[in-house]
Amino acid sequence: MLFELAFTLRMPAYKILQDLPYDELLGWFEYLESRPIGWREDLRTVYLLNAQGVKNPEKLFPALAKKNTSDNPTDSFVGSKLHHFLKNAKGGDAIL
């Protein structure tokens, strides 16, 4: 994990150990546990695959398995009046 952090911050690992306070280092490790490096790119790809009709593309991306799903923009759509309207339309069963 230290080397991932060093790569992300573009700092040598020894500089991180020397200069970064221990509390901040633990904070970075916690952040990288919840949001692994590359999760944004994976999430964009999932959105593109969803738009093309691929079901459950999240299974392809282990970086998204740990990610909090509350950041998913479709969460606020599902259960909304528009979602209900579209689900009841002809062929609407294919909507989310």
PDB file of N, CA and C in Angstrom:
ATOM      1  N   MET A   1       0.830  -1.184   0.000  1.00  0.00           N
ATOM      2  CA  MET A   1       0.000   0.000   0.000  1.00  0.00           C
ATOM      3  C   MET A   1       0.877   1.252   0.000  1.00  0.00           C
ATOM      4  N   LEU A   2       2.024   1.187   0.675  1.00  0.00           N
ATOM      5  CA  LEU A   2       2.922   2.343   0.742  1.00  0.00           C
ATOM      6  C   LEU A   2       3.377   2.745  -0.656  1.00  0.00           C
ATOM      7  N   PHE A   3       3.690   1.758  -1.471  1.00  0.00           N
ATOM      8  CA  PHE A   3       4.188   2.075  -2.811  1.00  0.00           C
ATOM      9  C   PHE A   3       3.079   2.598  -3.726  1.00  0.00           C
ATOM     10  N   GLU A   4       1.859   2.134  -3.529  1.00  0.00           N
ATOM     11  CA  GLU A   4       0.740   2.710  -4.273  1.00  0.00           C
ATOM     12  C   GLU A   4       0.562   4.179  -3.920  1.00  0.00           C
ATOM     13  N   LEU A   5       0.672   4.484  -2.633  1.00  0.00           N
ATOM     14  CA  LEU A   5       0.565   5.864  -2.185  1.00  0.00           C
ATOM     15  C   LEU A   5       1.708   6.698  -2.752  1.00  0.00           C
ATOM     16  N   ALA A   6       2.920   6.150  -2.740  1.00  0.00           N
ATOM     17  CA  ALA A   6       4.074   6.863  -3.288  1.00  0.00           C
ATOM     18  C   ALA A   6       3.875   7.136  -4.778  1.00  0.00           C
ATOM     19  N   PHE A   7       3.368   6.152  -5.499  1.00  0.00           N
ATOM     20  CA  PHE A   7       3.103   6.334  -6.926  1.00  0.00           C
ATOM     21  C   PHE A   7       2.046   7.402  -7.152  1.00  0.00           C
ATOM     22  N   THR A   8       0.984   7.368  -6.359  1.00  0.00           N
ATOM     23  CA  THR A   8      -0.109   8.329  -6.509  1.00  0.00           C
ATOM     24  C   THR A   8       0.341   9.749  -6.178  1.00  0.00           C
ATOM     25  N   LEU A   9       1.102   9.898  -5.115  1.00  0.00           N
ATOM     26  CA  LEU A   9       1.571  11.224  -4.705  1.00  0.00           C
ATOM     27  C   LEU A   9       2.824  11.665  -5.455  1.00  0.00           C
ATOM     28  N   ARG A  10       3.363  10.750  -6.267  1.00  0.00           N
ATOM     29  CA  ARG A  10       4.597  11.026  -7.020  1.00  0.00           C
ATOM     30  C   ARG A  10       5.735  11.444  -6.088  1.00  0.00           C
ATOM     31  N   MET A  11       5.881  10.654  -5.035  1.00  0.00           N
ATOM     32  CA  MET A  11       6.942  10.873  -4.052  1.00  0.00           C
ATOM     33  C   MET A  11       7.644   9.543  -3.800  1.00  0.00           C
ATOM     34  N   PRO A  12       8.949   9.567  -3.524  1.00  0.00           N
ATOM     35  CA  PRO A  12       9.608   8.316  -3.139  1.00  0.00           C
ATOM     36  C   PRO A  12       9.044   7.806  -1.806  1.00  0.00           C
ATOM     37  N   ALA A  13       9.013   6.504  -1.657  1.00  0.00           N
ATOM     38  CA  ALA A  13       8.448   5.910  -0.444  1.00  0.00           C
ATOM     39  C   ALA A  13       9.215   6.359   0.800  1.00  0.00           C
ATOM     40  N   TYR A  14      10.543   6.488   0.699  1.00  0.00           N
ATOM     41  CA  TYR A  14      11.309   6.903   1.873  1.00  0.00           C
ATOM     42  C   TYR A  14      10.949   8.325   2.303  1.00  0.00           C
ATOM     43  N   LYS A  15      10.611   9.203   1.331  1.00  0.00           N
ATOM     44  CA  LYS A  15      10.216  10.577   1.678  1.00  0.00           C
ATOM     45  C   LYS A  15       8.876  10.579   2.405  1.00  0.00           C
ATOM     46  N   ILE A  16       7.986   9.706   1.989  1.00  0.00           N
ATOM     47  CA  ILE A  16       6.689   9.618   2.662  1.00  0.00           C
ATOM     48  C   ILE A  16       6.894   9.192   4.115  1.00  0.00           C
ATOM     49  N   LEU A  17       7.731   8.185   4.308  1.00  0.00           N
ATOM     50  CA  LEU A  17       7.978   7.698   5.666  1.00  0.00           C
ATOM     51  C   LEU A  17       8.681   8.748   6.524  1.00  0.00           C
ATOM     52  N   GLN A  18       9.535   9.553   5.910  1.00  0.00           N
ATOM     53  CA  GLN A  18      10.261  10.578   6.661  1.00  0.00           C
ATOM     54  C   GLN A  18       9.412  11.815   6.940  1.00  0.00           C
ATOM     55  N   ASP A  19       8.665  12.272   5.934  1.00  0.00           N
ATOM     56  CA  ASP A  19       8.026  13.589   6.009  1.00  0.00           C
ATOM     57  C   ASP A  19       6.547  13.569   6.373  1.00  0.00           C
ATOM     58  N   LEU A  20       5.863  12.488   6.102  1.00  0.00           N
ATOM     59  CA  LEU A  20       4.416  12.446   6.321  1.00  0.00           C
ATOM     60  C   LEU A  20       4.125  12.059   7.772  1.00  0.00           C
ATOM     61  N   PRO A  21       3.328  12.858   8.473  1.00  0.00           N
ATOM     62  CA  PRO A  21       2.956  12.471   9.846  1.00  0.00           C
ATOM     63  C   PRO A  21       2.218  11.128   9.844  1.00  0.00           C
ATOM     64  N   TYR A  22       2.399  10.380  10.901  1.00  0.00           N
ATOM     65  CA  TYR A  22       1.828   9.032  10.992  1.00  0.00           C
ATOM     66  C   TYR A  22       0.305   9.048  10.835  1.00  0.00           C
ATOM     67  N   ASP A  23      -0.371  10.021  11.452  1.00  0.00           N
ATOM     68  CA  ASP A  23      -1.837  10.105  11.347  1.00  0.00           C
ATOM     69  C   ASP A  23      -2.282  10.327   9.909  1.00  0.00           C
ATOM     70  N   GLU A  24      -1.550  11.166   9.191  1.00  0.00           N
ATOM     71  CA  GLU A  24      -1.903  11.405   7.792  1.00  0.00           C
ATOM     72  C   GLU A  24      -1.648  10.167   6.943  1.00  0.00           C
ATOM     73  N   LEU A  25      -0.563   9.458   7.224  1.00  0.00           N
ATOM     74  CA  LEU A  25      -0.270   8.224   6.501  1.00  0.00           C
ATOM     75  C   LEU A  25      -1.392   7.206   6.700  1.00  0.00           C
ATOM     76  N   LEU A  26      -1.849   7.054   7.943  1.00  0.00           N
ATOM     77  CA  LEU A  26      -2.974   6.147   8.208  1.00  0.00           C
ATOM     78  C   LEU A  26      -4.239   6.615   7.489  1.00  0.00           C
ATOM     79  N   GLY A  27      -4.451   7.925   7.431  1.00  0.00           N
ATOM     80  CA  GLY A  27      -5.599   8.471   6.703  1.00  0.00           C
ATOM     81  C   GLY A  27      -5.545   8.139   5.225  1.00  0.00           C
ATOM     82  N   TRP A  28      -4.359   8.227   4.629  1.00  0.00           N
ATOM     83  CA  TRP A  28      -4.209   7.865   3.221  1.00  0.00           C
ATOM     84  C   TRP A  28      -4.488   6.384   3.005  1.00  0.00           C
ATOM     85  N   PHE A  29      -3.971   5.551   3.910  1.00  0.00           N
ATOM     86  CA  PHE A  29      -4.216   4.110   3.775  1.00  0.00           C
ATOM     87  C   PHE A  29      -5.708   3.802   3.864  1.00  0.00           C
ATOM     88  N   GLU A  30      -6.405   4.464   4.771  1.00  0.00           N
ATOM     89  CA  GLU A  30      -7.850   4.267   4.905  1.00  0.00           C
ATOM     90  C   GLU A  30      -8.571   4.724   3.639  1.00  0.00           C
ATOM     91  N   TYR A  31      -8.150   5.860   3.103  1.00  0.00           N
ATOM     92  CA  TYR A  31      -8.761   6.373   1.865  1.00  0.00           C
ATOM     93  C   TYR A  31      -8.556   5.387   0.716  1.00  0.00           C
ATOM     94  N   LEU A  32      -7.342   4.859   0.583  1.00  0.00           N
ATOM     95  CA  LEU A  32      -7.058   3.929  -0.511  1.00  0.00           C
ATOM     96  C   LEU A  32      -7.767   2.594  -0.326  1.00  0.00           C
ATOM     97  N   GLU A  33      -8.115   2.235   0.898  1.00  0.00           N
ATOM     98  CA  GLU A  33      -8.909   1.027   1.127  1.00  0.00           C
ATOM     99  C   GLU A  33     -10.330   1.204   0.603  1.00  0.00           C
ATOM    100  N   SER A  34     -10.896   2.386   0.822  1.00  0.00           N
ATOM    101  CA  SER A  34     -12.277   2.613   0.400  1.00  0.00           C
ATOM    102  C   SER A  34     -12.386   3.024  -1.059  1.00  0.00           C
ATOM    103  N   ARG A  35     -11.355   3.634  -1.581  1.00  0.00           N
ATOM    104  CA  ARG A  35     -11.354   4.076  -2.978  1.00  0.00           C
ATOM    105  C   ARG A  35     -10.011   3.709  -3.611  1.00  0.00           C
ATOM    106  N   PRO A  36      -9.887   2.450  -4.070  1.00  0.00           N
ATOM    107  CA  PRO A  36      -8.618   2.010  -4.648  1.00  0.00           C
ATOM    108  C   PRO A  36      -8.234   2.844  -5.872  1.00  0.00           C
ATOM    109  N   ILE A  37      -6.952   2.894  -6.146  1.00  0.00           N
ATOM    110  CA  ILE A  37      -6.460   3.631  -7.299  1.00  0.00           C
ATOM    111  C   ILE A  37      -7.101   3.053  -8.555  1.00  0.00           C
ATOM    112  N   GLY A  38      -7.615   3.908  -9.394  1.00  0.00           N
ATOM    113  CA  GLY A  38      -8.243   3.492 -10.646  1.00  0.00           C
ATOM    114  C   GLY A  38      -9.746   3.326 -10.566  1.00  0.00           C
ATOM    115  N   TRP A  39     -10.344   3.544  -9.401  1.00  0.00           N
ATOM    116  CA  TRP A  39     -11.781   3.312  -9.269  1.00  0.00           C
ATOM    117  C   TRP A  39     -12.585   4.268 -10.142  1.00  0.00           C
ATOM    118  N   ARG A  40     -12.115   5.495 -10.341  1.00  0.00           N
ATOM    119  CA  ARG A  40     -12.868   6.448 -11.170  1.00  0.00           C
ATOM    120  C   ARG A  40     -12.949   5.977 -12.627  1.00  0.00           C
ATOM    121  N   GLU A  41     -11.827   5.485 -13.154  1.00  0.00           N
ATOM    122  CA  GLU A  41     -11.818   4.985 -14.523  1.00  0.00           C
ATOM    123  C   GLU A  41     -12.729   3.772 -14.659  1.00  0.00           C
ATOM    124  N   ASP A  42     -12.681   2.882 -13.663  1.00  0.00           N
ATOM    125  CA  ASP A  42     -13.559   1.712 -13.685  1.00  0.00           C
ATOM    126  C   ASP A  42     -15.018   2.128 -13.635  1.00  0.00           C
ATOM    127  N   LEU A  43     -15.336   3.117 -12.813  1.00  0.00           N
ATOM    128  CA  LEU A  43     -16.722   3.560 -12.686  1.00  0.00           C
ATOM    129  C   LEU A  43     -17.221   4.161 -13.990  1.00  0.00           C
ATOM    130  N   ARG A  44     -16.378   4.938 -14.661  1.00  0.00           N
ATOM    131  CA  ARG A  44     -16.774   5.493 -15.966  1.00  0.00           C
ATOM    132  C   ARG A  44     -17.057   4.374 -16.957  1.00  0.00           C
ATOM    133  N   THR A  45     -16.222   3.339 -16.950  1.00  0.00           N
ATOM    134  CA  THR A  45     -16.426   2.208 -17.855  1.00  0.00           C
ATOM    135  C   THR A  45     -17.723   1.479 -17.525  1.00  0.00           C
ATOM    136  N   VAL A  46     -18.030   1.334 -16.233  1.00  0.00           N
ATOM    137  CA  VAL A  46     -19.290   0.705 -15.825  1.00  0.00           C
ATOM    138  C   VAL A  46     -20.472   1.504 -16.359  1.00  0.00           C
ATOM    139  N   TYR A  47     -20.406   2.828 -16.255  1.00  0.00           N
ATOM    140  CA  TYR A  47     -21.498   3.668 -16.780  1.00  0.00           C
ATOM    141  C   TYR A  47     -21.664   3.472 -18.283  1.00  0.00           C
ATOM    142  N   LEU A  48     -20.554   3.394 -19.007  1.00  0.00           N
ATOM    143  CA  LEU A  48     -20.635   3.170 -20.457  1.00  0.00           C
ATOM    144  C   LEU A  48     -21.221   1.796 -20.773  1.00  0.00           C
ATOM    145  N   LEU A  49     -20.802   0.786 -20.020  1.00  0.00           N
ATOM    146  CA  LEU A  49     -21.343  -0.553 -20.239  1.00  0.00           C
ATOM    147  C   LEU A  49     -22.829  -0.610 -19.888  1.00  0.00           C
ATOM    148  N   ASN A  50     -23.237   0.081 -18.821  1.00  0.00           N
ATOM    149  CA  ASN A  50     -24.655   0.140 -18.466  1.00  0.00           C
ATOM    150  C   ASN A  50     -25.457   0.788 -19.583  1.00  0.00           C
ATOM    151  N   ALA A  51     -24.911   1.837 -20.179  1.00  0.00           N
ATOM    152  CA  ALA A  51     -25.609   2.524 -21.270  1.00  0.00           C
ATOM    153  C   ALA A  51     -25.770   1.619 -22.485  1.00  0.00           C
ATOM    154  N   GLN A  52     -24.874   0.659 -22.638  1.00  0.00           N
ATOM    155  CA  GLN A  52     -24.958  -0.277 -23.758  1.00  0.00           C
ATOM    156  C   GLN A  52     -25.774  -1.521 -23.418  1.00  0.00           C
ATOM    157  N   GLY A  53     -26.303  -1.569 -22.195  1.00  0.00           N
ATOM    158  CA  GLY A  53     -27.186  -2.665 -21.817  1.00  0.00           C
ATOM    159  C   GLY A  53     -26.500  -3.841 -21.142  1.00  0.00           C
ATOM    160  N   VAL A  54     -25.230  -3.733 -20.827  1.00  0.00           N
ATOM    161  CA  VAL A  54     -24.524  -4.826 -20.143  1.00  0.00           C
ATOM    162  C   VAL A  54     -25.013  -4.893 -18.703  1.00  0.00           C
ATOM    163  N   LYS A  55     -25.381  -6.081 -18.257  1.00  0.00           N
ATOM    164  CA  LYS A  55     -25.881  -6.269 -16.895  1.00  0.00           C
ATOM    165  C   LYS A  55     -24.732  -6.580 -15.945  1.00  0.00           C
ATOM    166  N   ASN A  56     -24.715  -5.932 -14.797  1.00  0.00           N
ATOM    167  CA  ASN A  56     -23.748  -6.163 -13.718  1.00  0.00           C
ATOM    168  C   ASN A  56     -22.289  -6.077 -14.154  1.00  0.00           C
ATOM    169  N   PRO A  57     -21.884  -5.023 -14.855  1.00  0.00           N
ATOM    170  CA  PRO A  57     -20.471  -4.925 -15.231  1.00  0.00           C
ATOM    171  C   PRO A  57     -19.569  -4.643 -14.036  1.00  0.00           C
ATOM    172  N   GLU A  58     -20.153  -4.300 -12.870  1.00  0.00           N
ATOM    173  CA  GLU A  58     -19.355  -4.020 -11.680  1.00  0.00           C
ATOM    174  C   GLU A  58     -18.526  -5.231 -11.262  1.00  0.00           C
ATOM    175  N   LYS A  59     -19.006  -6.425 -11.618  1.00  0.00           N
ATOM    176  CA  LYS A  59     -18.291  -7.647 -11.252  1.00  0.00           C
ATOM    177  C   LYS A  59     -16.939  -7.737 -11.944  1.00  0.00           C
ATOM    178  N   LEU A  60     -16.759  -7.006 -13.038  1.00  0.00           N
ATOM    179  CA  LEU A  60     -15.500  -7.034 -13.768  1.00  0.00           C
ATOM    180  C   LEU A  60     -14.421  -6.189 -13.112  1.00  0.00           C
ATOM    181  N   PHE A  61     -14.814  -5.284 -12.192  1.00  0.00           N
ATOM    182  CA  PHE A  61     -13.891  -4.315 -11.645  1.00  0.00           C
ATOM    183  C   PHE A  61     -13.784  -4.462 -10.131  1.00  0.00           C
ATOM    184  N   PRO A  62     -12.747  -5.154  -9.647  1.00  0.00           N
ATOM    185  CA  PRO A  62     -12.609  -5.343  -8.205  1.00  0.00           C
ATOM    186  C   PRO A  62     -12.412  -4.033  -7.449  1.00  0.00           C
ATOM    187  N   ALA A  63     -11.915  -2.996  -8.115  1.00  0.00           N
ATOM    188  CA  ALA A  63     -11.726  -1.702  -7.440  1.00  0.00           C
ATOM    189  C   ALA A  63     -13.064  -1.112  -7.014  1.00  0.00           C
ATOM    190  N   LEU A  64     -14.135  -1.486  -7.695  1.00  0.00           N
ATOM    191  CA  LEU A  64     -15.451  -0.948  -7.355  1.00  0.00           C
ATOM    192  C   LEU A  64     -16.153  -1.773  -6.295  1.00  0.00           C
ATOM    193  N   ALA A  65     -15.665  -2.956  -6.007  1.00  0.00           N
ATOM    194  CA  ALA A  65     -16.312  -3.799  -5.010  1.00  0.00           C
ATOM    195  C   ALA A  65     -16.263  -3.157  -3.628  1.00  0.00           C
ATOM    196  N   LYS A  66     -15.169  -2.443  -3.312  1.00  0.00           N
ATOM    197  CA  LYS A  66     -15.029  -1.802  -2.011  1.00  0.00           C
ATOM    198  C   LYS A  66     -15.618  -0.406  -1.989  1.00  0.00           C
ATOM    199  N   LYS A  67     -15.929   0.114  -3.161  1.00  0.00           N
ATOM    200  CA  LYS A  67     -16.402   1.488  -3.241  1.00  0.00           C
ATOM    201  C   LYS A  67     -17.814   1.624  -2.695  1.00  0.00           C
ATOM    202  N   ASN A  68     -18.067   2.732  -2.058  1.00  0.00           N
ATOM    203  CA  ASN A  68     -19.398   3.020  -1.528  1.00  0.00           C
ATOM    204  C   ASN A  68     -20.346   3.268  -2.703  1.00  0.00           C
ATOM    205  N   THR A  69     -21.443   2.527  -2.774  1.00  0.00           N
ATOM    206  CA  THR A  69     -22.351   2.659  -3.901  1.00  0.00           C
ATOM    207  C   THR A  69     -23.226   3.898  -3.814  1.00  0.00           C
ATOM    208  N   SER A  70     -23.160   4.645  -2.716  1.00  0.00           N
ATOM    209  CA  SER A  70     -23.997   5.834  -2.601  1.00  0.00           C
ATOM    210  C   SER A  70     -23.572   6.929  -3.571  1.00  0.00           C
ATOM    211  N   ASP A  71     -22.367   6.791  -4.165  1.00  0.00           N
ATOM    212  CA  ASP A  71     -21.910   7.763  -5.149  1.00  0.00           C
ATOM    213  C   ASP A  71     -22.474   7.474  -6.529  1.00  0.00           C
ATOM    214  N   ASN A  72     -23.228   6.408  -6.659  1.00  0.00           N
ATOM    215  CA  ASN A  72     -23.784   6.027  -7.948  1.00  0.00           C
ATOM    216  C   ASN A  72     -24.947   6.956  -8.290  1.00  0.00           C
ATOM    217  N   PRO A  73     -24.866   7.681  -9.413  1.00  0.00           N
ATOM    218  CA  PRO A  73     -25.924   8.634  -9.742  1.00  0.00           C
ATOM    219  C   PRO A  73     -27.279   7.990 -10.029  1.00  0.00           C
ATOM    220  N   THR A  74     -27.298   6.688 -10.367  1.00  0.00           N
ATOM    221  CA  THR A  74     -28.585   6.050 -10.633  1.00  0.00           C
ATOM    222  C   THR A  74     -29.365   5.771  -9.356  1.00  0.00           C
ATOM    223  N   ASP A  75     -28.698   5.814  -8.191  1.00  0.00           N
ATOM    224  CA  ASP A  75     -29.395   5.554  -6.929  1.00  0.00           C
ATOM    225  C   ASP A  75     -30.536   6.537  -6.700  1.00  0.00           C
ATOM    226  N   SER A  76     -30.323   7.796  -7.029  1.00  0.00           N
ATOM    227  CA  SER A  76     -31.371   8.788  -6.815  1.00  0.00           C
ATOM    228  C   SER A  76     -32.466   8.668  -7.876  1.00  0.00           C
ATOM    229  N   PHE A  77     -32.134   8.056  -9.020  1.00  0.00           N
ATOM    230  CA  PHE A  77     -33.123   7.907 -10.090  1.00  0.00           C
ATOM    231  C   PHE A  77     -34.089   6.764  -9.801  1.00  0.00           C
ATOM    232  N   VAL A  78     -33.543   5.648  -9.329  1.00  0.00           N
ATOM    233  CA  VAL A  78     -34.385   4.490  -9.038  1.00  0.00           C
ATOM    234  C   VAL A  78     -35.340   4.851  -7.903  1.00  0.00           C
ATOM    235  N   GLY A  79     -36.610   4.641  -8.122  1.00  0.00           N
ATOM    236  CA  GLY A  79     -37.626   4.963  -7.122  1.00  0.00           C
ATOM    237  C   GLY A  79     -38.226   6.353  -7.307  1.00  0.00           C
ATOM    238  N   SER A  80     -37.674   7.138  -8.228  1.00  0.00           N
ATOM    239  CA  SER A  80     -38.219   8.469  -8.473  1.00  0.00           C
ATOM    240  C   SER A  80     -39.505   8.363  -9.297  1.00  0.00           C
ATOM    241  N   LYS A  81     -40.221   9.464  -9.393  1.00  0.00           N
ATOM    242  CA  LYS A  81     -41.457   9.466 -10.187  1.00  0.00           C
ATOM    243  C   LYS A  81     -41.168   9.194 -11.658  1.00  0.00           C
ATOM    244  N   LEU A  82     -40.081   9.767 -12.170  1.00  0.00           N
ATOM    245  CA  LEU A  82     -39.723   9.526 -13.571  1.00  0.00           C
ATOM    246  C   LEU A  82     -39.404   8.051 -13.792  1.00  0.00           C
ATOM    247  N   HIS A  83     -38.677   7.444 -12.876  1.00  0.00           N
ATOM    248  CA  HIS A  83     -38.366   6.026 -12.989  1.00  0.00           C
ATOM    249  C   HIS A  83     -39.649   5.199 -12.984  1.00  0.00           C
ATOM    250  N   HIS A  84     -40.572   5.512 -12.092  1.00  0.00           N
ATOM    251  CA  HIS A  84     -41.851   4.816 -12.015  1.00  0.00           C
ATOM    252  C   HIS A  84     -42.621   4.973 -13.333  1.00  0.00           C
ATOM    253  N   PHE A  85     -42.637   6.187 -13.869  1.00  0.00           N
ATOM    254  CA  PHE A  85     -43.332   6.460 -15.130  1.00  0.00           C
ATOM    255  C   PHE A  85     -42.727   5.638 -16.269  1.00  0.00           C
ATOM    256  N   LEU A  86     -41.408   5.613 -16.343  1.00  0.00           N
ATOM    257  CA  LEU A  86     -40.744   4.872 -17.406  1.00  0.00           C
ATOM    258  C   LEU A  86     -40.939   3.373 -17.254  1.00  0.00           C
ATOM    259  N   LYS A  87     -40.935   2.870 -16.027  1.00  0.00           N
ATOM    260  CA  LYS A  87     -41.148   1.435 -15.799  1.00  0.00           C
ATOM    261  C   LYS A  87     -42.539   0.999 -16.247  1.00  0.00           C
ATOM    262  N   ASN A  88     -43.530   1.894 -16.112  1.00  0.00           N
ATOM    263  CA  ASN A  88     -44.890   1.561 -16.490  1.00  0.00           C
ATOM    264  C   ASN A  88     -45.167   1.781 -17.967  1.00  0.00           C
ATOM    265  N   ALA A  89     -44.228   2.367 -18.687  1.00  0.00           N
ATOM    266  CA  ALA A  89     -44.406   2.590 -20.120  1.00  0.00           C
ATOM    267  C   ALA A  89     -44.203   1.277 -20.871  1.00  0.00           C
ATOM    268  N   LYS A  90     -44.685   1.228 -22.086  1.00  0.00           N
ATOM    269  CA  LYS A  90     -44.526   0.032 -22.903  1.00  0.00           C
ATOM    270  C   LYS A  90     -43.038  -0.230 -23.105  1.00  0.00           C
ATOM    271  N   GLY A  91     -42.589  -1.416 -22.748  1.00  0.00           N
ATOM    272  CA  GLY A  91     -41.176  -1.765 -22.856  1.00  0.00           C
ATOM    273  C   GLY A  91     -40.341  -1.199 -21.727  1.00  0.00           C
ATOM    274  N   GLY A  92     -40.968  -0.637 -20.711  1.00  0.00           N
ATOM    275  CA  GLY A  92     -40.239  -0.005 -19.624  1.00  0.00           C
ATOM    276  C   GLY A  92     -39.568  -0.967 -18.680  1.00  0.00           C
ATOM    277  N   ASP A  93     -39.848  -2.258 -18.797  1.00  0.00           N
ATOM    278  CA  ASP A  93     -39.222  -3.209 -17.892  1.00  0.00           C
ATOM    279  C   ASP A  93     -37.715  -3.323 -18.140  1.00  0.00           C
ATOM    280  N   ALA A  94     -37.236  -2.758 -19.238  1.00  0.00           N
ATOM    281  CA  ALA A  94     -35.808  -2.774 -19.525  1.00  0.00           C
ATOM    282  C   ALA A  94     -35.085  -1.589 -18.893  1.00  0.00           C
ATOM    283  N   ILE A  95     -35.830  -0.679 -18.227  1.00  0.00           N
ATOM    284  CA  ILE A  95     -35.226   0.481 -17.580  1.00  0.00           C
ATOM    285  C   ILE A  95     -34.696   0.050 -16.230  1.00  0.00           C
ATOM    286  N   LEU A  96     -33.446   0.324 -15.965  1.00  0.00           N
ATOM    287  CA  LEU A  96     -32.803   0.035 -14.684  1.00  0.00           C
ATOM    288  C   LEU A  96     -33.604  -0.969 -13.912  1.00  0.00           C
TER     289      LEU A  96
END
